[in-house]
Amino acid sequence: MAAAVNIIGRLNILRFSKRMKKILRNHLTIVEEKHFDESYDDFWERVSQYLKISVVCGSEYLNWRYRDNPAYQYTVYEVRKNNQILGFTVMDCFREKYNVGRILEFLVLPN
């Protein structure tokens, strides 16, 4: 849990960096998402044309893999512009010998 707080804290700092200010000026929003809805199906249709091979990452798969998994709790951040998803990331944090953070999915549209 401490690792998750640490990563979230770093993400909050990032929000105020010069790059993030530029992103916010371009009307992009970054939010933590609790559920993969139908807009992820639309996003998959748009992004899949750029991939040569991949698991189909629609809302049904993403909810099954990350939200309906009782063994783990994942954190999802998405980037939207004009209410359309431009990308998302799925992360988790845990403690072994050290605090560990992993990025399990990172999928964005080109450009």
Protein backbone atom coordinates (compact mmCIF):
# COMPACT_ATOMS: atom_id res chain seq x y z
CA MET A 1 0.00 0.00 0.00
CA ALA A 2 2.86 2.36 0.75
CA ALA A 3 4.21 1.79 -2.75
CA ALA A 4 0.86 2.67 -4.27
CA VAL A 5 0.75 5.89 -2.25
CA ASN A 6 4.30 6.67 -3.36
CA ILE A 7 3.51 6.15 -7.05
CA ILE A 8 0.27 8.12 -6.81
CA GLY A 9 2.20 10.90 -5.08
CA ARG A 10 4.72 10.95 -7.91
CA LEU A 11 1.91 11.05 -10.45
CA ASN A 12 0.41 14.02 -8.62
CA ILE A 13 3.75 15.83 -8.83
CA LEU A 14 3.88 15.01 -12.53
CA ARG A 15 0.52 16.72 -13.01
CA PHE A 16 2.15 20.05 -12.31
CA SER A 17 5.23 19.60 -14.46
CA LYS A 18 5.68 21.71 -17.58
CA ARG A 19 4.79 18.80 -19.81
CA MET A 20 1.60 18.10 -17.90
CA LYS A 21 0.60 21.75 -18.08
CA LYS A 22 1.00 21.54 -21.85
CA ILE A 23 -1.18 18.42 -21.93
CA LEU A 24 -3.86 20.12 -19.87
CA ARG A 25 -3.77 23.16 -22.19
CA ASN A 26 -4.53 20.77 -25.04
CA HIS A 27 -7.76 19.78 -23.27
CA LEU A 28 -6.56 16.35 -22.26
CA THR A 29 -7.77 14.84 -19.02
CA ILE A 30 -6.04 12.17 -16.97
CA VAL A 31 -8.23 10.32 -14.51
CA GLU A 32 -8.19 7.17 -12.47
CA GLU A 33 -10.75 4.77 -13.93
CA LYS A 34 -12.72 2.21 -11.89
CA HIS A 35 -14.42 0.32 -14.73
CA PHE A 36 -13.72 -0.36 -18.39
CA ASP A 37 -16.86 0.77 -20.22
CA GLU A 38 -17.94 0.66 -23.90
CA SER A 39 -15.60 3.53 -24.75
CA TYR A 40 -12.74 1.02 -24.39
CA ASP A 41 -14.29 -1.04 -27.20
CA ASP A 42 -14.23 2.06 -29.41
CA PHE A 43 -10.65 2.77 -28.34
CA TRP A 44 -9.65 -0.81 -29.19
CA GLU A 45 -11.16 -0.49 -32.68
CA ARG A 46 -9.08 2.63 -33.29
CA VAL A 47 -5.78 1.44 -31.79
CA SER A 48 -5.83 -2.18 -33.01
CA GLN A 49 -5.24 -1.14 -36.62
CA TYR A 50 -1.71 -0.10 -35.61
CA LEU A 51 -0.86 -3.45 -33.95
CA LYS A 52 0.43 -6.51 -35.78
CA ILE A 53 -0.50 -8.96 -33.00
CA SER A 54 -2.27 -8.56 -29.67
CA VAL A 55 -4.89 -9.95 -27.36
CA VAL A 56 -8.21 -8.22 -28.08
CA CYS A 57 -8.24 -5.52 -25.40
CA GLY A 58 -11.90 -4.59 -25.37
CA SER A 59 -13.91 -3.76 -22.26
CA GLU A 60 -14.95 -7.37 -21.62
CA TYR A 61 -11.37 -8.63 -21.55
CA LEU A 62 -10.02 -5.67 -19.58
CA ASN A 63 -12.71 -5.97 -16.89
CA TRP A 64 -12.14 -9.72 -16.65
CA ARG A 65 -8.37 -9.36 -16.47
CA TYR A 66 -8.05 -6.35 -14.16
CA ARG A 67 -11.33 -5.36 -12.47
CA ASP A 68 -12.99 -8.72 -11.78
CA ASN A 69 -9.76 -10.32 -10.53
CA PRO A 70 -10.24 -10.98 -6.80
CA ALA A 71 -6.55 -11.68 -6.18
CA TYR A 72 -5.23 -8.22 -7.08
CA GLN A 73 -6.23 -4.60 -7.06
CA TYR A 74 -4.99 -2.65 -10.05
CA THR A 75 -4.83 1.08 -10.66
CA VAL A 76 -5.94 2.34 -14.07
CA TYR A 77 -5.26 5.79 -15.49
CA GLU A 78 -6.74 6.94 -18.76
CA VAL A 79 -6.11 9.94 -21.00
CA ARG A 80 -9.06 11.45 -22.84
CA LYS A 81 -9.62 14.30 -25.22
CA ASN A 82 -13.15 15.40 -26.14
CA ASN A 83 -14.39 12.39 -24.16
CA GLN A 84 -12.48 9.93 -26.40
CA ILE A 85 -9.83 7.66 -24.92
CA LEU A 86 -6.36 8.31 -26.30
CA GLY A 87 -4.61 5.80 -24.06
CA PHE A 88 -4.52 4.05 -20.71
CA THR A 89 -2.19 2.28 -18.32
CA VAL A 90 -2.80 -0.46 -15.75
CA MET A 91 -0.45 -0.60 -12.76
CA ASP A 92 -0.12 -2.40 -9.46
CA CYS A 93 2.09 -2.10 -6.41
CA PHE A 94 3.11 -4.70 -3.88
CA ARG A 95 5.74 -5.44 -1.30
CA GLU A 96 8.20 -8.28 -1.60
CA LYS A 97 11.69 -7.66 -0.34
CA TYR A 98 11.24 -4.10 -1.66
CA ASN A 99 8.30 -1.98 -2.72
CA VAL A 100 7.53 -2.95 -6.30
CA GLY A 101 5.44 -1.17 -8.90
CA ARG A 102 4.56 -2.77 -12.24
CA ILE A 103 3.04 -1.47 -15.44
CA LEU A 104 0.92 -4.31 -16.80
CA GLU A 105 -0.71 -2.54 -19.75
CA PHE A 106 0.25 0.64 -21.55
CA LEU A 107 -1.66 1.29 -24.72
CA VAL A 108 -1.91 4.62 -26.55
CA LEU A 109 -2.85 5.87 -29.99
CA PRO A 110 0.11 7.05 -32.06
CA ASN A 111 0.76 10.81 -32.07
